[in-house]
Amino acid sequence: MQNAGLVEPVIALVLWTLVVWVWMYATRIPAMQKAKIDPQEAARTRVLDLPPEIMWVSDNYNHLMEQPTIFYATTLAAQIAGQADGLNVGLAWAYVILRVVHSLIQCTVNVVMARFAVFSLSTLVLAALAIRVALAVF
């Protein structure tokens, strides 16, 4: 591939999501063992009686399965359409960095307004990327 600039931030976010997945199980399994929770009771995680800071990580993992799907589709469409210019690559990296910051806030201190501010900014970055790609391909 001549210019894989938009593939790199996609892979970075995939790798970050896997880090959060490991973090989730590294905290959840010991917490479940300590609380003597049968794994079958985890079939519906919302009913787990675990400390909030344990659930924050799994909540964030779920969040990484939501809006980033739009990011993946947009960046890969832009890459295929030859729209991997410097600004789009910069926007893609900005989105990844903001999602990592969002994760770190949610998984550690979970200050909702700080998390919301970062989420909102990341959404604006994603919107700018999507609009630029749409203008180029339509």
C-alpha atoms as a PDB file:
ATOM      1  CA  MET A   1       0.000   0.000   0.000  1.00  0.00           C
ATOM      2  CA  GLN A   2       1.501   3.313  -1.058  1.00  0.00           C
ATOM      3  CA  ASN A   3       0.253   5.483   1.800  1.00  0.00           C
ATOM      4  CA  ALA A   4      -1.102   3.523   4.758  1.00  0.00           C
ATOM      5  CA  GLY A   5      -1.402   6.638   6.915  1.00  0.00           C
ATOM      6  CA  LEU A   6      -4.996   5.989   7.958  1.00  0.00           C
ATOM      7  CA  VAL A   7      -4.417   2.313   8.653  1.00  0.00           C
ATOM      8  CA  GLU A   8      -1.943   3.111  11.430  1.00  0.00           C
ATOM      9  CA  PRO A   9      -4.400   4.962  13.720  1.00  0.00           C
ATOM     10  CA  VAL A  10      -6.974   2.216  13.100  1.00  0.00           C
ATOM     11  CA  ILE A  11      -4.527  -0.438  14.275  1.00  0.00           C
ATOM     12  CA  ALA A  12      -3.502   1.765  17.212  1.00  0.00           C
ATOM     13  CA  LEU A  13      -7.118   1.984  18.408  1.00  0.00           C
ATOM     14  CA  VAL A  14      -7.586  -1.757  17.912  1.00  0.00           C
ATOM     15  CA  LEU A  15      -4.485  -2.385  20.031  1.00  0.00           C
ATOM     16  CA  TRP A  16      -5.701   0.052  22.697  1.00  0.00           C
ATOM     17  CA  THR A  17      -9.043  -1.762  22.787  1.00  0.00           C
ATOM     18  CA  LEU A  18      -7.190  -5.020  23.400  1.00  0.00           C
ATOM     19  CA  VAL A  19      -5.227  -3.367  26.232  1.00  0.00           C
ATOM     20  CA  VAL A  20      -8.532  -2.348  27.838  1.00  0.00           C
ATOM     21  CA  TRP A  21      -9.826  -5.901  27.328  1.00  0.00           C
ATOM     22  CA  VAL A  22      -6.823  -7.295  29.258  1.00  0.00           C
ATOM     23  CA  TRP A  23      -7.258  -4.568  31.909  1.00  0.00           C
ATOM     24  CA  MET A  24     -10.945  -5.490  32.238  1.00  0.00           C
ATOM     25  CA  TYR A  25     -10.281  -9.157  32.928  1.00  0.00           C
ATOM     26  CA  ALA A  26      -7.224  -8.453  35.063  1.00  0.00           C
ATOM     27  CA  THR A  27      -9.471  -6.463  37.410  1.00  0.00           C
ATOM     28  CA  ARG A  28     -12.807  -8.257  37.026  1.00  0.00           C
ATOM     29  CA  ILE A  29     -11.695 -11.858  37.592  1.00  0.00           C
ATOM     30  CA  PRO A  30      -9.919 -11.162  40.908  1.00  0.00           C
ATOM     31  CA  ALA A  31     -12.864  -9.003  42.051  1.00  0.00           C
ATOM     32  CA  MET A  32     -15.320 -11.776  41.207  1.00  0.00           C
ATOM     33  CA  GLN A  33     -13.167 -14.317  43.021  1.00  0.00           C
ATOM     34  CA  LYS A  34     -12.937 -12.055  46.072  1.00  0.00           C
ATOM     35  CA  ALA A  35     -16.727 -11.544  46.082  1.00  0.00           C
ATOM     36  CA  LYS A  36     -17.242 -15.291  45.507  1.00  0.00           C
ATOM     37  CA  ILE A  37     -19.320 -14.636  42.400  1.00  0.00           C
ATOM     38  CA  ASP A  38     -19.993 -17.654  40.215  1.00  0.00           C
ATOM     39  CA  PRO A  39     -18.913 -16.891  36.610  1.00  0.00           C
ATOM     40  CA  GLN A  40     -22.401 -17.829  35.412  1.00  0.00           C
ATOM     41  CA  GLU A  41     -23.730 -14.834  37.367  1.00  0.00           C
ATOM     42  CA  ALA A  42     -21.657 -12.654  35.014  1.00  0.00           C
ATOM     43  CA  ALA A  43     -23.878 -13.594  32.080  1.00  0.00           C
ATOM     44  CA  ARG A  44     -25.510 -10.183  32.591  1.00  0.00           C
ATOM     45  CA  THR A  45     -22.765  -7.854  33.779  1.00  0.00           C
ATOM     46  CA  ARG A  46     -25.199  -5.131  34.830  1.00  0.00           C
ATOM     47  CA  VAL A  47     -26.364  -7.320  37.701  1.00  0.00           C
ATOM     48  CA  LEU A  48     -22.861  -8.013  39.002  1.00  0.00           C
ATOM     49  CA  ASP A  49     -22.332  -6.653  42.475  1.00  0.00           C
ATOM     50  CA  LEU A  50     -18.769  -5.461  41.973  1.00  0.00           C
ATOM     51  CA  PRO A  51     -17.171  -2.193  43.060  1.00  0.00           C
ATOM     52  CA  PRO A  52     -17.784   0.657  40.603  1.00  0.00           C
ATOM     53  CA  GLU A  53     -14.095   1.038  39.754  1.00  0.00           C
ATOM     54  CA  ILE A  54     -14.095  -2.569  38.531  1.00  0.00           C
ATOM     55  CA  MET A  55     -17.131  -1.932  36.322  1.00  0.00           C
ATOM     56  CA  TRP A  56     -15.676   1.315  34.914  1.00  0.00           C
ATOM     57  CA  VAL A  57     -13.164  -0.677  32.887  1.00  0.00           C
ATOM     58  CA  SER A  58     -15.787  -2.992  31.398  1.00  0.00           C
ATOM     59  CA  ASP A  59     -18.028  -0.003  30.681  1.00  0.00           C
ATOM     60  CA  ASN A  60     -15.155   1.578  28.794  1.00  0.00           C
ATOM     61  CA  TYR A  61     -14.496  -1.599  26.861  1.00  0.00           C
ATOM     62  CA  ASN A  62     -18.143  -1.503  25.774  1.00  0.00           C
ATOM     63  CA  HIS A  63     -17.733   2.145  24.760  1.00  0.00           C
ATOM     64  CA  LEU A  64     -14.782   1.132  22.581  1.00  0.00           C
ATOM     65  CA  MET A  65     -17.199  -1.155  20.714  1.00  0.00           C
ATOM     66  CA  GLU A  66     -19.652   1.681  20.007  1.00  0.00           C
ATOM     67  CA  GLN A  67     -18.613   4.986  18.372  1.00  0.00           C
ATOM     68  CA  PRO A  68     -15.202   3.743  17.198  1.00  0.00           C
ATOM     69  CA  THR A  69     -17.005   1.518  14.694  1.00  0.00           C
ATOM     70  CA  ILE A  70     -17.835   4.731  12.821  1.00  0.00           C
ATOM     71  CA  PHE A  71     -14.175   5.722  13.052  1.00  0.00           C
ATOM     72  CA  TYR A  72     -13.050   2.395  11.603  1.00  0.00           C
ATOM     73  CA  ALA A  73     -15.484   2.618   8.702  1.00  0.00           C
ATOM     74  CA  THR A  74     -14.646   6.259   7.981  1.00  0.00           C
ATOM     75  CA  THR A  75     -10.877   5.888   8.093  1.00  0.00           C
ATOM     76  CA  LEU A  76     -10.806   2.725   6.024  1.00  0.00           C
ATOM     77  CA  ALA A  77     -13.195   4.261   3.473  1.00  0.00           C
ATOM     78  CA  ALA A  78     -10.947   7.319   3.312  1.00  0.00           C
ATOM     79  CA  GLN A  79      -7.875   5.129   2.856  1.00  0.00           C
ATOM     80  CA  ILE A  80      -9.508   3.178   0.025  1.00  0.00           C
ATOM     81  CA  ALA A  81     -10.728   6.410  -1.602  1.00  0.00           C
ATOM     82  CA  GLY A  82      -7.238   7.872  -1.585  1.00  0.00           C
ATOM     83  CA  GLN A  83      -8.077  10.462   1.061  1.00  0.00           C
ATOM     84  CA  ALA A  84      -5.183   9.718   3.416  1.00  0.00           C
ATOM     85  CA  ASP A  85      -3.907  13.286   3.290  1.00  0.00           C
ATOM     86  CA  GLY A  86      -2.091  14.956   6.157  1.00  0.00           C
ATOM     87  CA  LEU A  87      -5.180  16.567   7.671  1.00  0.00           C
ATOM     88  CA  ASN A  88      -7.212  13.357   7.632  1.00  0.00           C
ATOM     89  CA  VAL A  89      -4.336  11.410   9.143  1.00  0.00           C
ATOM     90  CA  GLY A  90      -3.986  14.103  11.811  1.00  0.00           C
ATOM     91  CA  LEU A  91      -7.701  13.962  12.575  1.00  0.00           C
ATOM     92  CA  ALA A  92      -7.542  10.172  12.818  1.00  0.00           C
ATOM     93  CA  TRP A  93      -4.635  10.303  15.260  1.00  0.00           C
ATOM     94  CA  ALA A  94      -6.376  13.032  17.263  1.00  0.00           C
ATOM     95  CA  TYR A  95      -9.442  10.791  17.546  1.00  0.00           C
ATOM     96  CA  VAL A  96      -7.324   7.851  18.752  1.00  0.00           C
ATOM     97  CA  ILE A  97      -5.508   9.992  21.323  1.00  0.00           C
ATOM     98  CA  LEU A  98      -8.784  11.426  22.605  1.00  0.00           C
ATOM     99  CA  ARG A  99     -10.290   7.933  22.910  1.00  0.00           C
ATOM    100  CA  VAL A 100      -7.253   6.782  24.897  1.00  0.00           C
ATOM    101  CA  VAL A 101      -7.609   9.814  27.188  1.00  0.00           C
ATOM    102  CA  HIS A 102     -11.341   9.052  27.511  1.00  0.00           C
ATOM    103  CA  SER A 103     -10.480   5.465  28.493  1.00  0.00           C
ATOM    104  CA  LEU A 104      -7.909   6.551  31.043  1.00  0.00           C
ATOM    105  CA  ILE A 105     -10.382   8.949  32.652  1.00  0.00           C
ATOM    106  CA  GLN A 106     -13.200   6.404  32.727  1.00  0.00           C
ATOM    107  CA  CYS A 107     -11.071   3.483  33.894  1.00  0.00           C
ATOM    108  CA  THR A 108      -9.321   5.356  36.705  1.00  0.00           C
ATOM    109  CA  VAL A 109     -11.167   8.338  38.204  1.00  0.00           C
ATOM    110  CA  ASN A 110     -14.352   8.357  36.103  1.00  0.00           C
ATOM    111  CA  VAL A 111     -15.025  12.077  36.432  1.00  0.00           C
ATOM    112  CA  VAL A 112     -18.105  12.248  34.232  1.00  0.00           C
ATOM    113  CA  MET A 113     -17.779  15.870  33.094  1.00  0.00           C
ATOM    114  CA  ALA A 114     -14.122  15.413  32.150  1.00  0.00           C
ATOM    115  CA  ARG A 115     -14.999  12.209  30.325  1.00  0.00           C
ATOM    116  CA  PHE A 116     -17.914  13.930  28.581  1.00  0.00           C
ATOM    117  CA  ALA A 117     -15.707  16.824  27.464  1.00  0.00           C
ATOM    118  CA  VAL A 118     -13.146  14.462  25.932  1.00  0.00           C
ATOM    119  CA  PHE A 119     -15.895  12.348  24.357  1.00  0.00           C
ATOM    120  CA  SER A 120     -17.514  15.449  22.854  1.00  0.00           C
ATOM    121  CA  LEU A 121     -14.209  16.673  21.463  1.00  0.00           C
ATOM    122  CA  SER A 122     -13.471  13.245  19.981  1.00  0.00           C
ATOM    123  CA  THR A 123     -16.919  13.228  18.375  1.00  0.00           C
ATOM    124  CA  LEU A 124     -16.263  16.615  16.785  1.00  0.00           C
ATOM    125  CA  VAL A 125     -12.940  15.342  15.450  1.00  0.00           C
ATOM    126  CA  LEU A 126     -14.659  12.259  14.035  1.00  0.00           C
ATOM    127  CA  ALA A 127     -17.382  14.439  12.490  1.00  0.00           C
ATOM    128  CA  ALA A 128     -14.748  16.634  10.832  1.00  0.00           C
ATOM    129  CA  LEU A 129     -13.035  13.560   9.422  1.00  0.00           C
ATOM    130  CA  ALA A 130     -16.314  12.067   8.182  1.00  0.00           C
ATOM    131  CA  ILE A 131     -17.396  15.340   6.561  1.00  0.00           C
ATOM    132  CA  ARG A 132     -14.040  15.782   4.814  1.00  0.00           C
ATOM    133  CA  VAL A 133     -14.209  12.229   3.489  1.00  0.00           C
ATOM    134  CA  ALA A 134     -17.835  12.656   2.407  1.00  0.00           C
ATOM    135  CA  LEU A 135     -17.029  15.865   0.549  1.00  0.00           C
ATOM    136  CA  ALA A 136     -14.195  14.105  -1.248  1.00  0.00           C
ATOM    137  CA  VAL A 137     -16.107  11.011  -2.312  1.00  0.00           C
ATOM    138  CA  PHE A 138     -19.536  12.417  -3.161  1.00  0.00           C
END
